PDB file of N, CA and C in Angstrom:
ATOM      1  N   UNK A   1     -95.877 -20.053 -19.835  1.00  0.00           N
ATOM      2  CA  UNK A   1     -95.257 -19.464 -20.388  1.00  0.00           C
ATOM      3  C   UNK A   1     -96.589 -18.508 -21.326  1.00  0.00           C
ATOM      4  N   UNK A   2     -95.960 -17.451 -21.957  1.00  0.00           N
ATOM      5  CA  UNK A   2     -96.776 -16.875 -23.101  1.00  0.00           C
ATOM      6  C   UNK A   2     -96.445 -16.251 -23.886  1.00  0.00           C
ATOM      7  N   UNK A   3     -96.744 -16.023 -25.359  1.00  0.00           N
ATOM      8  CA  UNK A   3     -96.459 -14.748 -26.366  1.00  0.00           C
ATOM      9  C   UNK A   3     -96.601 -13.817 -26.616  1.00  0.00           C
ATOM     10  N   UNK A   4     -95.951 -12.836 -26.944  1.00  0.00           N
ATOM     11  CA  UNK A   4     -96.546 -11.428 -28.015  1.00  0.00           C
ATOM     12  C   UNK A   4     -95.843 -11.729 -29.157  1.00  0.00           C
ATOM     13  N   UNK A   5     -96.581 -10.850 -29.827  1.00  0.00           N
ATOM     14  CA  UNK A   5     -95.723 -10.544 -31.119  1.00  0.00           C
ATOM     15  C   UNK A   5     -95.753  -8.684 -31.046  1.00  0.00           C
ATOM     16  N   UNK A   6     -94.400  -8.413 -31.296  1.00  0.00           N
ATOM     17  CA  UNK A   6     -94.397  -6.744 -31.398  1.00  0.00           C
ATOM     18  C   UNK A   6     -94.290  -6.527 -32.816  1.00  0.00           C
ATOM     19  N   UNK A   7     -94.541  -5.032 -33.012  1.00  0.00           N
ATOM     20  CA  UNK A   7     -94.014  -4.670 -34.221  1.00  0.00           C
ATOM     21  C   UNK A   7     -93.725  -3.033 -34.292  1.00  0.00           C
ATOM     22  N   UNK A   8     -92.783  -3.041 -34.283  1.00  0.00           N
ATOM     23  CA  UNK A   8     -91.603  -1.829 -33.834  1.00  0.00           C
ATOM     24  C   UNK A   8     -91.427  -1.141 -35.123  1.00  0.00           C
ATOM     25  N   UNK A   9     -91.914   0.402 -34.763  1.00  0.00           N
ATOM     26  CA  UNK A   9     -91.926   1.295 -35.927  1.00  0.00           C
ATOM     27  C   UNK A   9     -90.989   2.479 -35.675  1.00  0.00           C
ATOM     28  N   UNK A  10     -90.310   3.123 -36.968  1.00  0.00           N
ATOM     29  CA  UNK A  10     -89.193   4.232 -36.530  1.00  0.00           C
ATOM     30  C   UNK A  10     -88.314   3.765 -37.527  1.00  0.00           C
ATOM     31  N   UNK A  11     -87.026   4.076 -37.280  1.00  0.00           N
ATOM     32  CA  UNK A  11     -85.777   4.060 -38.075  1.00  0.00           C
ATOM     33  C   UNK A  11     -85.097   2.563 -37.251  1.00  0.00           C
ATOM     34  N   UNK A  12     -85.750   1.358 -37.592  1.00  0.00           N
ATOM     35  CA  UNK A  12     -85.364   0.439 -36.830  1.00  0.00           C
ATOM     36  C   UNK A  12     -84.550  -0.909 -37.909  1.00  0.00           C
ATOM     37  N   UNK A  13     -84.385  -0.574 -38.924  1.00  0.00           N
ATOM     38  CA  UNK A  13     -84.120  -0.772 -40.246  1.00  0.00           C
ATOM     39  C   UNK A  13     -82.250  -0.865 -40.413  1.00  0.00           C
ATOM     40  N   UNK A  14     -81.742  -1.886 -40.669  1.00  0.00           N
ATOM     41  CA  UNK A  14     -79.983  -0.849 -41.335  1.00  0.00           C
ATOM     42  C   UNK A  14     -79.504  -0.394 -39.760  1.00  0.00           C
ATOM     43  N   UNK A  15     -79.816  -0.947 -38.407  1.00  0.00           N
ATOM     44  CA  UNK A  15     -79.146  -0.663 -37.447  1.00  0.00           C
ATOM     45  C   UNK A  15     -78.868  -1.356 -36.508  1.00  0.00           C
ATOM     46  N   UNK A  16     -78.757  -2.566 -36.939  1.00  0.00           N
ATOM     47  CA  UNK A  16     -78.249  -3.668 -35.992  1.00  0.00           C
ATOM     48  C   UNK A  16     -79.625  -3.764 -35.138  1.00  0.00           C
ATOM     49  N   UNK A  17     -80.980  -3.381 -35.277  1.00  0.00           N
ATOM     50  CA  UNK A  17     -82.080  -4.252 -34.411  1.00  0.00           C
ATOM     51  C   UNK A  17     -82.137  -5.618 -34.294  1.00  0.00           C
ATOM     52  N   UNK A  18     -82.150  -6.442 -35.502  1.00  0.00           N
ATOM     53  CA  UNK A  18     -82.340  -7.953 -35.470  1.00  0.00           C
ATOM     54  C   UNK A  18     -81.217  -8.514 -34.380  1.00  0.00           C
ATOM     55  N   UNK A  19     -80.227  -7.880 -34.803  1.00  0.00           N
ATOM     56  CA  UNK A  19     -78.917  -8.553 -34.079  1.00  0.00           C
ATOM     57  C   UNK A  19     -79.114  -8.624 -32.546  1.00  0.00           C
ATOM     58  N   UNK A  20     -79.561  -7.023 -31.718  1.00  0.00           N
ATOM     59  CA  UNK A  20     -79.040  -6.862 -30.705  1.00  0.00           C
ATOM     60  C   UNK A  20     -80.546  -7.161 -29.925  1.00  0.00           C
ATOM     61  N   UNK A  21     -81.689  -7.161 -30.961  1.00  0.00           N
ATOM     62  CA  UNK A  21     -83.147  -8.162 -30.238  1.00  0.00           C
ATOM     63  C   UNK A  21     -82.325  -9.706 -30.001  1.00  0.00           C
ATOM     64  N   UNK A  22     -81.909 -10.278 -30.969  1.00  0.00           N
ATOM     65  CA  UNK A  22     -81.540 -11.789 -30.791  1.00  0.00           C
ATOM     66  C   UNK A  22     -80.501 -12.056 -29.557  1.00  0.00           C
ATOM     67  N   UNK A  23     -79.520 -11.144 -29.765  1.00  0.00           N
ATOM     68  CA  UNK A  23     -78.995 -11.220 -28.145  1.00  0.00           C
ATOM     69  C   UNK A  23     -79.616 -11.131 -26.786  1.00  0.00           C
ATOM     70  N   UNK A  24     -80.343 -10.301 -26.899  1.00  0.00           N
ATOM     71  CA  UNK A  24     -81.807 -10.025 -25.722  1.00  0.00           C
ATOM     72  C   UNK A  24     -81.970 -10.782 -25.441  1.00  0.00           C
ATOM     73  N   UNK A  25     -82.899 -11.224 -26.374  1.00  0.00           N
ATOM     74  CA  UNK A  25     -83.526 -12.863 -26.512  1.00  0.00           C
ATOM     75  C   UNK A  25     -83.185 -13.737 -25.655  1.00  0.00           C
ATOM     76  N   UNK A  26     -82.006 -14.337 -26.436  1.00  0.00           N
ATOM     77  CA  UNK A  26     -81.299 -15.010 -26.094  1.00  0.00           C
ATOM     78  C   UNK A  26     -80.764 -15.192 -24.112  1.00  0.00           C
ATOM     79  N   UNK A  27     -80.105 -13.840 -24.270  1.00  0.00           N
ATOM     80  CA  UNK A  27     -80.167 -13.846 -22.760  1.00  0.00           C
ATOM     81  C   UNK A  27     -81.209 -13.827 -21.355  1.00  0.00           C
ATOM     82  N   UNK A  28     -82.441 -13.529 -22.349  1.00  0.00           N
ATOM     83  CA  UNK A  28     -83.258 -13.437 -21.006  1.00  0.00           C
ATOM     84  C   UNK A  28     -84.112 -15.000 -21.470  1.00  0.00           C
ATOM     85  N   UNK A  29     -83.658 -15.932 -21.798  1.00  0.00           N
ATOM     86  CA  UNK A  29     -83.796 -17.252 -22.698  1.00  0.00           C
ATOM     87  C   UNK A  29     -85.049 -17.311 -22.688  1.00  0.00           C
ATOM     88  N   UNK A  30     -85.610 -16.369 -23.737  1.00  0.00           N
ATOM     89  CA  UNK A  30     -86.856 -16.517 -24.460  1.00  0.00           C
ATOM     90  C   UNK A  30     -86.823 -16.947 -25.677  1.00  0.00           C
ATOM     91  N   UNK A  31     -87.580 -17.872 -26.568  1.00  0.00           N
ATOM     92  CA  UNK A  31     -88.014 -18.230 -27.810  1.00  0.00           C
ATOM     93  C   UNK A  31     -88.830 -17.748 -28.613  1.00  0.00           C
ATOM     94  N   UNK A  32     -88.525 -18.059 -30.049  1.00  0.00           N
ATOM     95  CA  UNK A  32     -89.169 -17.016 -30.841  1.00  0.00           C
ATOM     96  C   UNK A  32     -88.033 -16.743 -32.371  1.00  0.00           C
ATOM     97  N   UNK A  33     -88.816 -15.490 -32.972  1.00  0.00           N
ATOM     98  CA  UNK A  33     -87.682 -14.837 -34.211  1.00  0.00           C
ATOM     99  C   UNK A  33     -87.835 -13.260 -33.982  1.00  0.00           C
ATOM    100  N   UNK A  34     -87.365 -12.773 -34.471  1.00  0.00           N
ATOM    101  CA  UNK A  34     -87.083 -11.174 -35.312  1.00  0.00           C
ATOM    102  C   UNK A  34     -87.056 -11.178 -36.547  1.00  0.00           C
ATOM    103  N   UNK A  35     -87.590 -10.155 -37.172  1.00  0.00           N
ATOM    104  CA  UNK A  35     -87.081 -10.544 -38.734  1.00  0.00           C
ATOM    105  C   UNK A  35     -87.616  -8.511 -39.131  1.00  0.00           C
ATOM    106  N   UNK A  36     -87.206  -8.212 -40.400  1.00  0.00           N
ATOM    107  CA  UNK A  36     -87.152  -6.783 -40.953  1.00  0.00           C
ATOM    108  C   UNK A  36     -88.741  -7.396 -41.623  1.00  0.00           C
ATOM    109  N   UNK A  37     -89.518  -6.484 -41.665  1.00  0.00           N
ATOM    110  CA  UNK A  37     -91.107  -6.211 -42.396  1.00  0.00           C
ATOM    111  C   UNK A  37     -90.924  -5.356 -43.765  1.00  0.00           C
ATOM    112  N   UNK A  38     -91.261  -5.333 -44.873  1.00  0.00           N
ATOM    113  CA  UNK A  38     -91.331  -4.761 -46.247  1.00  0.00           C
ATOM    114  C   UNK A  38     -91.569  -3.739 -45.884  1.00  0.00           C
ATOM    115  N   UNK A  39     -92.644  -3.097 -44.545  1.00  0.00           N
ATOM    116  CA  UNK A  39     -92.777  -1.457 -44.825  1.00  0.00           C
ATOM    117  C   UNK A  39     -91.985  -0.955 -43.972  1.00  0.00           C
ATOM    118  N   UNK A  40     -90.661  -1.616 -43.426  1.00  0.00           N
ATOM    119  CA  UNK A  40     -89.657  -0.825 -42.404  1.00  0.00           C
ATOM    120  C   UNK A  40     -89.602  -1.199 -41.044  1.00  0.00           C
ATOM    121  N   UNK A  41     -90.827  -1.957 -40.593  1.00  0.00           N
ATOM    122  CA  UNK A  41     -90.685  -2.296 -39.570  1.00  0.00           C
ATOM    123  C   UNK A  41     -90.246  -3.434 -39.007  1.00  0.00           C
ATOM    124  N   UNK A  42     -89.970  -4.040 -37.817  1.00  0.00           N
ATOM    125  CA  UNK A  42     -89.482  -4.784 -37.355  1.00  0.00           C
ATOM    126  C   UNK A  42     -90.421  -5.751 -36.446  1.00  0.00           C
ATOM    127  N   UNK A  43     -90.731  -6.696 -37.009  1.00  0.00           N
ATOM    128  CA  UNK A  43     -91.271  -8.072 -36.032  1.00  0.00           C
ATOM    129  C   UNK A  43     -90.820  -9.159 -35.233  1.00  0.00           C
ATOM    130  N   UNK A  44     -91.554  -8.936 -34.033  1.00  0.00           N
ATOM    131  CA  UNK A  44     -90.615  -9.610 -33.040  1.00  0.00           C
ATOM    132  C   UNK A  44     -91.732 -10.409 -32.227  1.00  0.00           C
ATOM    133  N   UNK A  45     -91.434 -11.934 -32.625  1.00  0.00           N
ATOM    134  CA  UNK A  45     -92.510 -13.097 -31.897  1.00  0.00           C
ATOM    135  C   UNK A  45     -91.971 -13.726 -31.283  1.00  0.00           C
ATOM    136  N   UNK A  46     -92.204 -13.641 -30.055  1.00  0.00           N
ATOM    137  CA  UNK A  46     -91.274 -14.430 -28.772  1.00  0.00           C
ATOM    138  C   UNK A  46     -92.702 -14.990 -27.612  1.00  0.00           C
ATOM    139  N   UNK A  47     -91.933 -15.869 -27.362  1.00  0.00           N
ATOM    140  CA  UNK A  47     -92.669 -17.052 -26.036  1.00  0.00           C
ATOM    141  C   UNK A  47     -91.301 -16.984 -24.801  1.00  0.00           C
ATOM    142  N   UNK A  48     -92.012 -17.438 -23.315  1.00  0.00           N
ATOM    143  CA  UNK A  48     -91.216 -17.144 -22.371  1.00  0.00           C
ATOM    144  C   UNK A  48     -92.372 -16.454 -21.350  1.00  0.00           C
ATOM    145  N   UNK A  49     -91.211 -17.208 -19.950  1.00  0.00           N
ATOM    146  CA  UNK A  49     -92.270 -16.156 -19.206  1.00  0.00           C
ATOM    147  C   UNK A  49     -92.402 -14.803 -19.490  1.00  0.00           C
ATOM    148  N   UNK A  50     -93.660 -14.572 -18.305  1.00  0.00           N
ATOM    149  CA  UNK A  50     -93.969 -12.861 -18.434  1.00  0.00           C
ATOM    150  C   UNK A  50     -93.278 -12.063 -17.574  1.00  0.00           C
ATOM    151  N   UNK A  51     -92.311 -12.519 -17.600  1.00  0.00           N
ATOM    152  CA  UNK A  51     -90.707 -11.324 -16.815  1.00  0.00           C
ATOM    153  C   UNK A  51     -90.425 -11.249 -17.984  1.00  0.00           C
ATOM    154  N   UNK A  52     -89.570 -12.171 -18.675  1.00  0.00           N
ATOM    155  CA  UNK A  52     -88.684 -12.213 -19.678  1.00  0.00           C
ATOM    156  C   UNK A  52     -89.327 -11.298 -20.579  1.00  0.00           C
ATOM    157  N   UNK A  53     -90.548 -11.754 -20.987  1.00  0.00           N
ATOM    158  CA  UNK A  53     -91.261 -10.944 -22.099  1.00  0.00           C
ATOM    159  C   UNK A  53     -91.913  -9.489 -21.483  1.00  0.00           C
ATOM    160  N   UNK A  54     -91.541  -9.020 -20.725  1.00  0.00           N
ATOM    161  CA  UNK A  54     -92.025  -7.767 -20.444  1.00  0.00           C
ATOM    162  C   UNK A  54     -90.468  -7.129 -20.714  1.00  0.00           C
ATOM    163  N   UNK A  55     -89.387  -8.121 -19.931  1.00  0.00           N
ATOM    164  CA  UNK A  55     -88.283  -7.586 -19.924  1.00  0.00           C
ATOM    165  C   UNK A  55     -87.793  -7.127 -21.284  1.00  0.00           C
ATOM    166  N   UNK A  56     -88.306  -8.015 -22.746  1.00  0.00           N
ATOM    167  CA  UNK A  56     -88.069  -7.646 -23.888  1.00  0.00           C
ATOM    168  C   UNK A  56     -88.651  -6.762 -24.687  1.00  0.00           C
ATOM    169  N   UNK A  57     -90.262  -6.527 -24.124  1.00  0.00           N
ATOM    170  CA  UNK A  57     -90.649  -5.524 -24.490  1.00  0.00           C
ATOM    171  C   UNK A  57     -89.936  -3.995 -24.174  1.00  0.00           C
ATOM    172  N   UNK A  58     -89.596  -4.567 -23.076  1.00  0.00           N
ATOM    173  CA  UNK A  58     -89.287  -2.656 -22.769  1.00  0.00           C
ATOM    174  C   UNK A  58     -88.079  -2.516 -23.132  1.00  0.00           C
ATOM    175  N   UNK A  59     -86.611  -3.690 -23.431  1.00  0.00           N
ATOM    176  CA  UNK A  59     -85.828  -3.273 -24.363  1.00  0.00           C
ATOM    177  C   UNK A  59     -86.364  -2.865 -25.981  1.00  0.00           C
ATOM    178  N   UNK A  60     -87.055  -3.431 -26.400  1.00  0.00           N
ATOM    179  CA  UNK A  60     -87.647  -2.701 -27.828  1.00  0.00           C
ATOM    180  C   UNK A  60     -87.927  -1.672 -28.135  1.00  0.00           C
ATOM    181  N   UNK A  61     -88.580  -0.944 -27.112  1.00  0.00           N
ATOM    182  CA  UNK A  61     -89.092   0.114 -27.074  1.00  0.00           C
ATOM    183  C   UNK A  61     -87.718   1.223 -26.977  1.00  0.00           C
ATOM    184  N   UNK A  62     -86.767   0.874 -26.810  1.00  0.00           N
ATOM    185  CA  UNK A  62     -85.547   1.760 -27.157  1.00  0.00           C
ATOM    186  C   UNK A  62     -84.537   1.119 -28.030  1.00  0.00           C
ATOM    187  N   UNK A  63     -83.957   0.130 -27.745  1.00  0.00           N
ATOM    188  CA  UNK A  63     -83.481  -0.632 -29.297  1.00  0.00           C
ATOM    189  C   UNK A  63     -81.703  -0.428 -29.212  1.00  0.00           C
ATOM    190  N   UNK A  64     -81.184  -1.005 -30.023  1.00  0.00           N
ATOM    191  CA  UNK A  64     -80.219  -0.294 -30.098  1.00  0.00           C
ATOM    192  C   UNK A  64     -79.568   1.156 -30.061  1.00  0.00           C
ATOM    193  N   UNK A  65     -78.309   1.557 -29.928  1.00  0.00           N
ATOM    194  CA  UNK A  65     -78.335   2.668 -29.697  1.00  0.00           C
ATOM    195  C   UNK A  65     -78.448   3.860 -31.543  1.00  0.00           C
ATOM    196  N   UNK A  66     -78.500   2.994 -32.242  1.00  0.00           N
ATOM    197  CA  UNK A  66     -78.129   3.666 -33.229  1.00  0.00           C
ATOM    198  C   UNK A  66     -80.043   3.954 -34.121  1.00  0.00           C
ATOM    199  N   UNK A  67     -80.879   2.779 -33.123  1.00  0.00           N
ATOM    200  CA  UNK A  67     -82.330   3.074 -33.554  1.00  0.00           C
ATOM    201  C   UNK A  67     -82.882   4.203 -32.936  1.00  0.00           C
ATOM    202  N   UNK A  68     -83.955   4.228 -33.574  1.00  0.00           N
ATOM    203  CA  UNK A  68     -84.615   5.648 -33.031  1.00  0.00           C
ATOM    204  C   UNK A  68     -87.171   4.835 -33.233  1.00  0.00           C
ATOM    205  N   UNK A  69     -86.506   4.384 -32.318  1.00  0.00           N
ATOM    206  CA  UNK A  69     -87.810   4.125 -31.883  1.00  0.00           C
ATOM    207  C   UNK A  69     -89.142   4.581 -31.754  1.00  0.00           C
ATOM    208  N   UNK A  70     -90.264   4.450 -32.847  1.00  0.00           N
ATOM    209  CA  UNK A  70     -91.239   5.601 -32.356  1.00  0.00           C
ATOM    210  C   UNK A  70     -92.251   5.068 -31.569  1.00  0.00           C
ATOM    211  N   UNK A  71     -92.750   3.949 -32.381  1.00  0.00           N
ATOM    212  CA  UNK A  71     -93.748   3.269 -31.161  1.00  0.00           C
ATOM    213  C   UNK A  71     -93.513   1.775 -31.329  1.00  0.00           C
ATOM    214  N   UNK A  72     -94.769   1.149 -30.715  1.00  0.00           N
ATOM    215  CA  UNK A  72     -94.520  -0.446 -30.983  1.00  0.00           C
ATOM    216  C   UNK A  72     -95.818  -1.330 -30.553  1.00  0.00           C
ATOM    217  N   UNK A  73     -96.338  -1.572 -31.275  1.00  0.00           N
ATOM    218  CA  UNK A  73     -97.601  -2.797 -31.503  1.00  0.00           C
ATOM    219  C   UNK A  73     -97.452  -3.829 -30.700  1.00  0.00           C
ATOM    220  N   UNK A  74     -98.269  -3.890 -29.857  1.00  0.00           N
ATOM    221  CA  UNK A  74     -98.194  -4.963 -29.236  1.00  0.00           C
ATOM    222  C   UNK A  74     -99.205  -5.900 -28.994  1.00  0.00           C
ATOM    223  N   UNK A  75     -99.220  -7.848 -29.293  1.00  0.00           N
ATOM    224  CA  UNK A  75    -100.385  -8.524 -29.114  1.00  0.00           C
ATOM    225  C   UNK A  75    -100.028  -9.587 -28.489  1.00  0.00           C
ATOM    226  N   UNK A  76    -100.734 -10.634 -27.759  1.00  0.00           N
ATOM    227  CA  UNK A  76    -100.888 -11.007 -26.842  1.00  0.00           C
ATOM    228  C   UNK A  76    -101.371 -12.430 -27.312  1.00  0.00           C
ATOM    229  N   UNK A  77    -100.645 -13.918 -27.475  1.00  0.00           N
ATOM    230  CA  UNK A  77    -101.568 -14.998 -27.727  1.00  0.00           C
ATOM    231  C   UNK A  77    -101.316 -15.714 -27.062  1.00  0.00           C
ATOM    232  N   UNK A  78    -101.641 -17.179 -26.921  1.00  0.00           N
ATOM    233  CA  UNK A  78    -101.339 -18.602 -26.500  1.00  0.00           C
ATOM    234  C   UNK A  78    -100.183 -18.580 -26.780  1.00  0.00           C
ATOM    235  N   UNK A  79     -99.728 -19.689 -26.438  1.00  0.00           N
ATOM    236  CA  UNK A  79     -97.951 -20.021 -26.847  1.00  0.00           C
ATOM    237  C   UNK A  79     -97.808 -21.240 -27.177  1.00  0.00           C
ATOM    238  N   UNK A  80     -97.487 -21.263 -27.917  1.00  0.00           N
ATOM    239  CA  UNK A  80     -97.187 -22.853 -28.928  1.00  0.00           C
ATOM    240  C   UNK A  80     -96.173 -23.453 -28.644  1.00  0.00           C
ATOM    241  N   UNK A  81     -94.896 -23.421 -28.061  1.00  0.00           N
ATOM    242  CA  UNK A  81     -93.733 -24.132 -28.001  1.00  0.00           C
ATOM    243  C   UNK A  81     -93.184 -24.220 -29.228  1.00  0.00           C
ATOM    244  N   UNK A  82     -93.373 -23.782 -30.233  1.00  0.00           N
ATOM    245  CA  UNK A  82     -93.134 -24.548 -31.748  1.00  0.00           C
ATOM    246  C   UNK A  82     -91.313 -23.902 -31.830  1.00  0.00           C
ATOM    247  N   UNK A  83     -91.204 -23.111 -30.955  1.00  0.00           N
ATOM    248  CA  UNK A  83     -89.268 -22.689 -30.882  1.00  0.00           C
ATOM    249  C   UNK A  83     -88.504 -23.436 -30.096  1.00  0.00           C
ATOM    250  N   UNK A  84     -87.469 -23.617 -30.391  1.00  0.00           N
ATOM    251  CA  UNK A  84     -86.051 -23.838 -29.588  1.00  0.00           C
ATOM    252  C   UNK A  84     -85.305 -23.265 -29.410  1.00  0.00           C
ATOM    253  N   UNK A  85     -85.124 -21.844 -30.174  1.00  0.00           N
ATOM    254  CA  UNK A  85     -84.445 -21.181 -29.177  1.00  0.00           C
ATOM    255  C   UNK A  85     -84.778 -19.761 -30.213  1.00  0.00           C
ATOM    256  N   UNK A  86     -83.904 -18.704 -30.663  1.00  0.00           N
ATOM    257  CA  UNK A  86     -84.440 -17.185 -30.703  1.00  0.00           C
ATOM    258  C   UNK A  86     -83.649 -17.177 -31.611  1.00  0.00           C
ATOM    259  N   UNK A  87     -84.068 -16.750 -33.069  1.00  0.00           N
ATOM    260  CA  UNK A  87     -83.111 -16.174 -34.163  1.00  0.00           C
ATOM    261  C   UNK A  87     -83.730 -15.236 -35.083  1.00  0.00           C
ATOM    262  N   UNK A  88     -82.780 -14.610 -35.856  1.00  0.00           N
ATOM    263  CA  UNK A  88     -83.071 -14.120 -37.033  1.00  0.00           C
ATOM    264  C   UNK A  88     -83.645 -14.905 -38.443  1.00  0.00           C
ATOM    265  N   UNK A  89     -85.121 -14.173 -38.395  1.00  0.00           N
ATOM    266  CA  UNK A  89     -85.109 -15.319 -39.866  1.00  0.00           C
ATOM    267  C   UNK A  89     -85.408 -13.743 -40.905  1.00  0.00           C
ATOM    268  N   UNK A  90     -85.728 -14.803 -42.153  1.00  0.00           N
ATOM    269  CA  UNK A  90     -85.146 -13.801 -43.080  1.00  0.00           C
ATOM    270  C   UNK A  90     -86.494 -14.066 -43.572  1.00  0.00           C
TER     271      UNK A  90
END
């Protein structure tokens, strides 16, 4: 199991990005959270298999139809196992 943190830049708030990220993560069996940040970006913290995390990262580069993703910052870390599911954080 691995952990990643993504910071998604672009038009990614008020376009359903968190909802769709949550649905995608749950389908992939990934745990963690997604939340809006005050600077207009979206943060995704996810733990799962390397393949599932690659798939989630790939999805986040496009996002839902209304999003306009400019770029993504990706950081890898040790998995902590602290999450039971994937949720939208506030």
